C-alpha atoms as a PDB file:
ATOM      1  CA  MET A   1     -69.036 -28.482  57.475  1.00  0.00           C
ATOM      2  CA  ALA A   2     -70.938 -26.305  55.011  1.00  0.00           C
ATOM      3  CA  ARG A   3     -70.511 -22.604  55.466  1.00  0.00           C
ATOM      4  CA  PRO A   4     -73.823 -20.875  56.314  1.00  0.00           C
ATOM      5  CA  LYS A   5     -75.261 -18.787  53.517  1.00  0.00           C
ATOM      6  CA  GLU A   6     -74.509 -15.111  54.039  1.00  0.00           C
ATOM      7  CA  PHE A   7     -77.550 -12.888  54.508  1.00  0.00           C
ATOM      8  CA  ASP A   8     -77.915 -10.341  51.699  1.00  0.00           C
ATOM      9  CA  PRO A   9     -80.135  -7.454  52.866  1.00  0.00           C
ATOM     10  CA  HIS A  10     -80.528  -6.091  49.320  1.00  0.00           C
ATOM     11  CA  ALA A  11     -81.749  -9.424  47.979  1.00  0.00           C
ATOM     12  CA  ALA A  12     -83.952  -9.853  51.051  1.00  0.00           C
ATOM     13  CA  LEU A  13     -85.533  -6.457  50.478  1.00  0.00           C
ATOM     14  CA  LYS A  14     -86.371  -7.467  46.914  1.00  0.00           C
ATOM     15  CA  VAL A  15     -88.028 -10.648  48.203  1.00  0.00           C
ATOM     16  CA  ALA A  16     -90.045  -8.615  50.713  1.00  0.00           C
ATOM     17  CA  MET A  17     -91.035  -6.200  47.960  1.00  0.00           C
ATOM     18  CA  GLN A  18     -92.393  -9.066  45.856  1.00  0.00           C
ATOM     19  CA  THR A  19     -94.229 -10.505  48.860  1.00  0.00           C
ATOM     20  CA  PHE A  20     -96.004  -7.204  49.510  1.00  0.00           C
ATOM     21  CA  ARG A  21     -96.832  -6.930  45.797  1.00  0.00           C
ATOM     22  CA  ARG A  22     -98.372 -10.387  45.843  1.00  0.00           C
ATOM     23  CA  ARG A  23    -100.331 -10.140  49.081  1.00  0.00           C
ATOM     24  CA  GLY A  24    -100.715  -6.440  49.854  1.00  0.00           C
ATOM     25  CA  TYR A  25     -99.745  -4.881  53.171  1.00  0.00           C
ATOM     26  CA  GLU A  26    -102.660  -6.139  55.246  1.00  0.00           C
ATOM     27  CA  GLY A  27    -102.581  -9.553  53.591  1.00  0.00           C
ATOM     28  CA  THR A  28     -98.903 -10.063  54.439  1.00  0.00           C
ATOM     29  CA  SER A  29     -98.185 -11.417  57.901  1.00  0.00           C
ATOM     30  CA  VAL A  30     -94.862 -11.356  59.693  1.00  0.00           C
ATOM     31  CA  GLN A  31     -94.770 -15.125  59.241  1.00  0.00           C
ATOM     32  CA  ASP A  32     -95.239 -14.697  55.483  1.00  0.00           C
ATOM     33  CA  LEU A  33     -92.208 -12.415  55.434  1.00  0.00           C
ATOM     34  CA  VAL A  34     -90.127 -14.720  57.611  1.00  0.00           C
ATOM     35  CA  ASP A  35     -90.960 -17.671  55.368  1.00  0.00           C
ATOM     36  CA  ALA A  36     -90.201 -15.724  52.185  1.00  0.00           C
ATOM     37  CA  LEU A  37     -86.926 -14.334  53.525  1.00  0.00           C
ATOM     38  CA  GLY A  38     -85.791 -17.641  54.985  1.00  0.00           C
ATOM     39  CA  ILE A  39     -84.769 -16.083  58.308  1.00  0.00           C
ATOM     40  CA  ASN A  40     -86.236 -16.053  61.800  1.00  0.00           C
ATOM     41  CA  ARG A  41     -88.235 -13.210  63.285  1.00  0.00           C
ATOM     42  CA  SER A  42     -85.425 -11.837  65.426  1.00  0.00           C
ATOM     43  CA  SER A  43     -83.147 -11.641  62.376  1.00  0.00           C
ATOM     44  CA  MET A  44     -85.842  -9.870  60.384  1.00  0.00           C
ATOM     45  CA  TYR A  45     -86.455  -7.352  63.153  1.00  0.00           C
ATOM     46  CA  ALA A  46     -82.710  -6.781  63.542  1.00  0.00           C
ATOM     47  CA  ALA A  47     -82.231  -6.204  59.815  1.00  0.00           C
ATOM     48  CA  PHE A  48     -85.356  -4.224  58.950  1.00  0.00           C
ATOM     49  CA  GLY A  49     -87.372  -3.375  62.059  1.00  0.00           C
ATOM     50  CA  SER A  50     -91.094  -4.035  62.169  1.00  0.00           C
ATOM     51  CA  LYS A  51     -93.308  -5.265  59.344  1.00  0.00           C
ATOM     52  CA  HIS A  52     -94.268  -1.632  58.732  1.00  0.00           C
ATOM     53  CA  ASP A  53     -90.622  -0.544  58.642  1.00  0.00           C
ATOM     54  CA  LEU A  54     -89.890  -3.279  56.122  1.00  0.00           C
ATOM     55  CA  TYR A  55     -92.881  -2.248  54.019  1.00  0.00           C
ATOM     56  CA  LEU A  56     -91.649   1.349  53.894  1.00  0.00           C
ATOM     57  CA  LYS A  57     -88.175   0.200  52.861  1.00  0.00           C
ATOM     58  CA  ALA A  58     -89.658  -2.060  50.188  1.00  0.00           C
ATOM     59  CA  LEU A  59     -91.813   0.798  48.941  1.00  0.00           C
ATOM     60  CA  GLU A  60     -88.795   3.105  48.714  1.00  0.00           C
ATOM     61  CA  ARG A  61     -86.807   0.472  46.792  1.00  0.00           C
ATOM     62  CA  TYR A  62     -89.671  -0.249  44.411  1.00  0.00           C
ATOM     63  CA  SER A  63     -90.309   3.455  43.800  1.00  0.00           C
ATOM     64  CA  ALA A  64     -86.630   4.092  43.092  1.00  0.00           C
ATOM     65  CA  ASP A  65     -86.557   1.194  40.627  1.00  0.00           C
ATOM     66  CA  GLU A  66     -89.694   2.444  38.865  1.00  0.00           C
ATOM     67  CA  LYS A  67     -88.343   5.989  38.633  1.00  0.00           C
ATOM     68  CA  ALA A  68     -85.052   4.734  37.189  1.00  0.00           C
ATOM     69  CA  LYS A  69     -86.940   2.658  34.605  1.00  0.00           C
ATOM     70  CA  ALA A  70     -89.062   5.645  33.581  1.00  0.00           C
ATOM     71  CA  GLU A  71     -86.084   7.969  33.295  1.00  0.00           C
ATOM     72  CA  ASN A  72     -84.117   5.408  31.284  1.00  0.00           C
ATOM     73  CA  ASP A  73     -86.950   4.388  28.953  1.00  0.00           C
ATOM     74  CA  LEU A  74     -88.164   7.928  28.315  1.00  0.00           C
ATOM     75  CA  ALA A  75     -84.746   9.561  27.922  1.00  0.00           C
ATOM     76  CA  GLY A  76     -83.053  10.387  24.649  1.00  0.00           C
ATOM     77  CA  ASP A  77     -83.342  12.917  21.872  1.00  0.00           C
ATOM     78  CA  GLY A  78     -85.489  10.938  19.420  1.00  0.00           C
ATOM     79  CA  PRO A  79     -89.247  11.224  18.868  1.00  0.00           C
ATOM     80  CA  ALA A  80     -90.928  11.420  22.250  1.00  0.00           C
ATOM     81  CA  LEU A  81     -94.434  10.104  21.594  1.00  0.00           C
ATOM     82  CA  PRO A  82     -93.360   6.705  20.185  1.00  0.00           C
ATOM     83  CA  ALA A  83     -91.124   6.357  23.250  1.00  0.00           C
ATOM     84  CA  LEU A  84     -94.135   7.080  25.452  1.00  0.00           C
ATOM     85  CA  ARG A  85     -96.215   4.375  23.767  1.00  0.00           C
ATOM     86  CA  ALA A  86     -93.383   1.852  24.057  1.00  0.00           C
ATOM     87  CA  PHE A  87     -92.992   2.711  27.742  1.00  0.00           C
ATOM     88  CA  LEU A  88     -96.683   2.179  28.504  1.00  0.00           C
ATOM     89  CA  LEU A  89     -96.733  -1.069  26.551  1.00  0.00           C
ATOM     90  CA  SER A  90     -93.732  -2.287  28.543  1.00  0.00           C
ATOM     91  CA  TYR A  91     -96.005  -2.313  31.597  1.00  0.00           C
ATOM     92  CA  VAL A  92     -98.575  -4.336  29.664  1.00  0.00           C
ATOM     93  CA  ASP A  93     -95.942  -6.843  28.543  1.00  0.00           C
ATOM     94  CA  ALA A  94     -94.520  -7.180  32.057  1.00  0.00           C
ATOM     95  CA  ALA A  95     -97.962  -7.768  33.547  1.00  0.00           C
ATOM     96  CA  LEU A  96     -99.017 -10.352  30.989  1.00  0.00           C
ATOM     97  CA  THR A  97     -95.812 -12.350  31.383  1.00  0.00           C
ATOM     98  CA  ASP A  98     -96.235 -12.448  35.180  1.00  0.00           C
ATOM     99  CA  PRO A  99     -98.280 -15.590  35.899  1.00  0.00           C
ATOM    100  CA  GLU A 100     -99.447 -14.158  39.222  1.00  0.00           C
ATOM    101  CA  ARG A 101    -100.209 -10.676  37.860  1.00  0.00           C
ATOM    102  CA  ASN A 102     -98.843  -9.139  41.035  1.00  0.00           C
ATOM    103  CA  GLY A 103     -99.284  -5.598  39.777  1.00  0.00           C
ATOM    104  CA  CYS A 104     -97.656  -2.399  40.983  1.00  0.00           C
ATOM    105  CA  LEU A 105     -96.670  -1.900  44.623  1.00  0.00           C
ATOM    106  CA  VAL A 106     -97.299   1.853  44.369  1.00  0.00           C
ATOM    107  CA  THR A 107    -100.777   1.327  42.916  1.00  0.00           C
ATOM    108  CA  HIS A 108    -101.605  -1.226  45.601  1.00  0.00           C
ATOM    109  CA  GLY A 109    -100.281   1.135  48.247  1.00  0.00           C
ATOM    110  CA  VAL A 110    -102.363   4.079  47.059  1.00  0.00           C
ATOM    111  CA  MET A 111    -105.508   1.970  47.283  1.00  0.00           C
ATOM    112  CA  GLU A 112    -104.623   0.289  50.581  1.00  0.00           C
ATOM    113  CA  ARG A 113    -102.540   2.713  52.668  1.00  0.00           C
ATOM    114  CA  VAL A 114    -103.671   6.244  51.720  1.00  0.00           C
ATOM    115  CA  PRO A 115    -104.514   8.184  53.837  1.00  0.00           C
ATOM    116  CA  CYS A 116    -104.547   5.877  56.882  1.00  0.00           C
ATOM    117  CA  ASP A 117    -100.752   5.462  56.885  1.00  0.00           C
ATOM    118  CA  PRO A 118     -99.053   8.896  56.836  1.00  0.00           C
ATOM    119  CA  GLU A 119     -95.535   7.524  56.344  1.00  0.00           C
ATOM    120  CA  ALA A 120     -96.564   5.343  53.428  1.00  0.00           C
ATOM    121  CA  THR A 121     -98.711   8.161  52.025  1.00  0.00           C
ATOM    122  CA  ALA A 122     -95.704  10.502  51.927  1.00  0.00           C
ATOM    123  CA  ARG A 123     -93.616   7.913  50.087  1.00  0.00           C
ATOM    124  CA  LEU A 124     -96.398   7.062  47.665  1.00  0.00           C
ATOM    125  CA  ARG A 125     -96.973  10.706  46.815  1.00  0.00           C
ATOM    126  CA  ALA A 126     -93.236  11.132  46.263  1.00  0.00           C
ATOM    127  CA  ALA A 127     -93.274   8.132  43.917  1.00  0.00           C
ATOM    128  CA  LEU A 128     -96.138   9.622  41.916  1.00  0.00           C
ATOM    129  CA  ARG A 129     -94.333  12.969  41.728  1.00  0.00           C
ATOM    130  CA  GLY A 130     -91.277  11.156  40.399  1.00  0.00           C
ATOM    131  CA  MET A 131     -93.368   9.645  37.613  1.00  0.00           C
ATOM    132  CA  GLU A 132     -94.904  13.037  36.900  1.00  0.00           C
ATOM    133  CA  ASP A 133     -91.430  14.551  36.598  1.00  0.00           C
ATOM    134  CA  ALA A 134     -90.352  11.844  34.142  1.00  0.00           C
ATOM    135  CA  TYR A 135     -93.457  12.381  32.022  1.00  0.00           C
ATOM    136  CA  THR A 136     -93.021  16.158  32.169  1.00  0.00           C
ATOM    137  CA  ALA A 137     -89.446  15.902  30.874  1.00  0.00           C
ATOM    138  CA  LEU A 138     -90.622  13.698  28.005  1.00  0.00           C
ATOM    139  CA  LEU A 139     -93.464  16.035  27.061  1.00  0.00           C
ATOM    140  CA  LEU A 140     -91.207  19.081  27.192  1.00  0.00           C
ATOM    141  CA  ARG A 141     -89.005  17.306  24.657  1.00  0.00           C
ATOM    142  CA  ALA A 142     -92.060  16.505  22.537  1.00  0.00           C
ATOM    143  CA  ARG A 143     -93.101  20.144  22.600  1.00  0.00           C
ATOM    144  CA  ALA A 144     -89.598  21.368  21.811  1.00  0.00           C
ATOM    145  CA  ASN A 145     -89.204  19.092  18.786  1.00  0.00           C
ATOM    146  CA  GLY A 146     -92.614  19.947  17.357  1.00  0.00           C
ATOM    147  CA  GLU A 147     -94.560  16.816  18.294  1.00  0.00           C
ATOM    148  CA  LEU A 148     -96.863  18.912  20.470  1.00  0.00           C
ATOM    149  CA  ALA A 149     -98.251  22.383  19.888  1.00  0.00           C
ATOM    150  CA  PRO A 150     -96.203  25.248  21.402  1.00  0.00           C
ATOM    151  CA  GLY A 151     -98.918  26.111  23.917  1.00  0.00           C
ATOM    152  CA  THR A 152     -99.408  22.560  25.208  1.00  0.00           C
ATOM    153  CA  ASP A 153     -99.758  22.422  29.009  1.00  0.00           C
ATOM    154  CA  VAL A 154     -97.250  19.660  29.617  1.00  0.00           C
ATOM    155  CA  LYS A 155     -97.750  19.679  33.389  1.00  0.00           C
ATOM    156  CA  SER A 156    -101.453  18.883  33.057  1.00  0.00           C
ATOM    157  CA  MET A 157    -100.711  16.238  30.447  1.00  0.00           C
ATOM    158  CA  ALA A 158     -98.067  14.672  32.689  1.00  0.00           C
ATOM    159  CA  ARG A 159    -100.625  14.439  35.490  1.00  0.00           C
ATOM    160  CA  PHE A 160    -103.098  12.873  33.080  1.00  0.00           C
ATOM    161  CA  LEU A 161    -100.460  10.271  32.225  1.00  0.00           C
ATOM    162  CA  VAL A 162     -99.771   9.504  35.891  1.00  0.00           C
ATOM    163  CA  THR A 163    -103.495   9.015  36.471  1.00  0.00           C
ATOM    164  CA  PHE A 164    -103.880   6.869  33.357  1.00  0.00           C
ATOM    165  CA  THR A 165    -100.838   4.778  34.266  1.00  0.00           C
ATOM    166  CA  GLN A 166    -102.260   4.019  37.700  1.00  0.00           C
ATOM    167  CA  GLY A 167    -105.531   2.917  36.132  1.00  0.00           C
ATOM    168  CA  LEU A 168    -103.628   0.807  33.627  1.00  0.00           C
ATOM    169  CA  ARG A 169    -101.731  -0.916  36.442  1.00  0.00           C
ATOM    170  CA  VAL A 170    -105.046  -1.856  38.056  1.00  0.00           C
ATOM    171  CA  MET A 171    -106.575  -3.179  34.834  1.00  0.00           C
ATOM    172  CA  GLU A 172    -103.450  -5.230  34.073  1.00  0.00           C
ATOM    173  CA  LYS A 173    -104.625  -7.651  36.745  1.00  0.00           C
ATOM    174  CA  ALA A 174    -107.879  -8.448  34.939  1.00  0.00           C
ATOM    175  CA  ALA A 175    -107.809  -7.435  31.266  1.00  0.00           C
ATOM    176  CA  ASP A 176    -106.272  -9.128  28.244  1.00  0.00           C
ATOM    177  CA  ARG A 177    -103.602  -7.736  25.928  1.00  0.00           C
ATOM    178  CA  GLU A 178    -106.001  -6.470  23.271  1.00  0.00           C
ATOM    179  CA  TYR A 179    -108.001  -4.547  25.874  1.00  0.00           C
ATOM    180  CA  LEU A 180    -104.910  -2.958  27.401  1.00  0.00           C
ATOM    181  CA  ILE A 181    -103.328  -1.958  24.083  1.00  0.00           C
ATOM    182  CA  GLU A 182    -106.614  -0.406  22.995  1.00  0.00           C
ATOM    183  CA  ALA A 183    -106.703   1.574  26.251  1.00  0.00           C
ATOM    184  CA  VAL A 184    -103.135   2.810  25.732  1.00  0.00           C
ATOM    185  CA  ASP A 185    -103.829   3.899  22.171  1.00  0.00           C
ATOM    186  CA  GLN A 186    -107.042   5.638  23.176  1.00  0.00           C
ATOM    187  CA  ALA A 187    -105.206   7.560  25.895  1.00  0.00           C
ATOM    188  CA  LEU A 188    -102.506   8.540  23.421  1.00  0.00           C
ATOM    189  CA  SER A 189    -105.126   9.893  21.026  1.00  0.00           C
ATOM    190  CA  VAL A 190    -105.030  13.020  23.205  1.00  0.00           C
ATOM    191  CA  PHE A 191    -101.422  13.477  22.147  1.00  0.00           C
ATOM    192  CA  ARG A 192    -102.157  12.723  18.511  1.00  0.00           C
ATOM    193  CA  ALA A 193    -104.650  15.596  18.560  1.00  0.00           C
ATOM    194  CA  GLU A 194    -101.960  17.846  20.004  1.00  0.00           C
ATOM    195  CA  SER A 195     -99.564  16.619  17.306  1.00  0.00           C
ATOM    196  CA  ALA A 196    -102.084  17.578  14.634  1.00  0.00           C
ATOM    197  CA  ASP A 197    -102.426  21.022  16.191  1.00  0.00           C
ATOM    198  CA  ALA A 198     -98.647  21.381  16.142  1.00  0.00           C
ATOM    199  CA  ALA A 199     -98.529  20.376  12.466  1.00  0.00           C
ATOM    200  CA  ASP A 200    -101.306  22.827  11.600  1.00  0.00           C
ATOM    201  CA  ALA A 201     -99.514  25.590  13.473  1.00  0.00           C
ATOM    202  CA  GLY A 202     -96.314  24.827  11.587  1.00  0.00           C
ATOM    203  CA  ALA A 203     -98.126  24.833   8.258  1.00  0.00           C
ATOM    204  CA  GLY A 204     -99.706  28.164   9.112  1.00  0.00           C
ATOM    205  CA  ARG A 205     -96.343  29.706   9.858  1.00  0.00           C
ATOM    206  CA  ALA A 206     -94.962  28.324   6.595  1.00  0.00           C
ATOM    207  CA  THR A 207     -97.790  29.753   4.454  1.00  0.00           C
ATOM    208  CA  PRO A 208     -96.615  32.921   2.659  1.00  0.00           C
ATOM    209  CA  ASP A 209     -98.664  36.103   2.998  1.00  0.00           C
END
């Protein structure tokens, strides 16, 4: 007799996460989750609690994965601004290779669950702060190595990047590659201007009296 397949809660959570990405919170029924997970309702409730409990767990997992990706992709001691462009384009590439264009669970959540769902709102805001922290660390490095002017307000620029990234994740569902790359490069023109200011400041300091 075949041994029953062992239930893997970590794999199941990933499946639930993808289901919520595809359908949204309101568009996902308990039956959708049961079908996707391949378990019955009582097993789902025993493992994860209610649909809302499972959504919160999926949101936490997704946010942790996204934060780890940002920290990994943006880390290092090399030039910061090329790393930033590559990071943003990685979202474009991921979206355009996804035939369903499921998009970002955090972005969907912000549009669907804020502010009506306080528990989700708290987790979504924490996820956005995590992205802001990753961008801030990158921009501090850019400022320290001379890619940005010494007086650059990296906190404001990090918040700009969070806002732009969320807009990018929305447009990934509808726009083509050329459109999205153009949007990324236009957003980064803000940083190119800061780079020029940094270069001018350096040249000014190097000019003898």
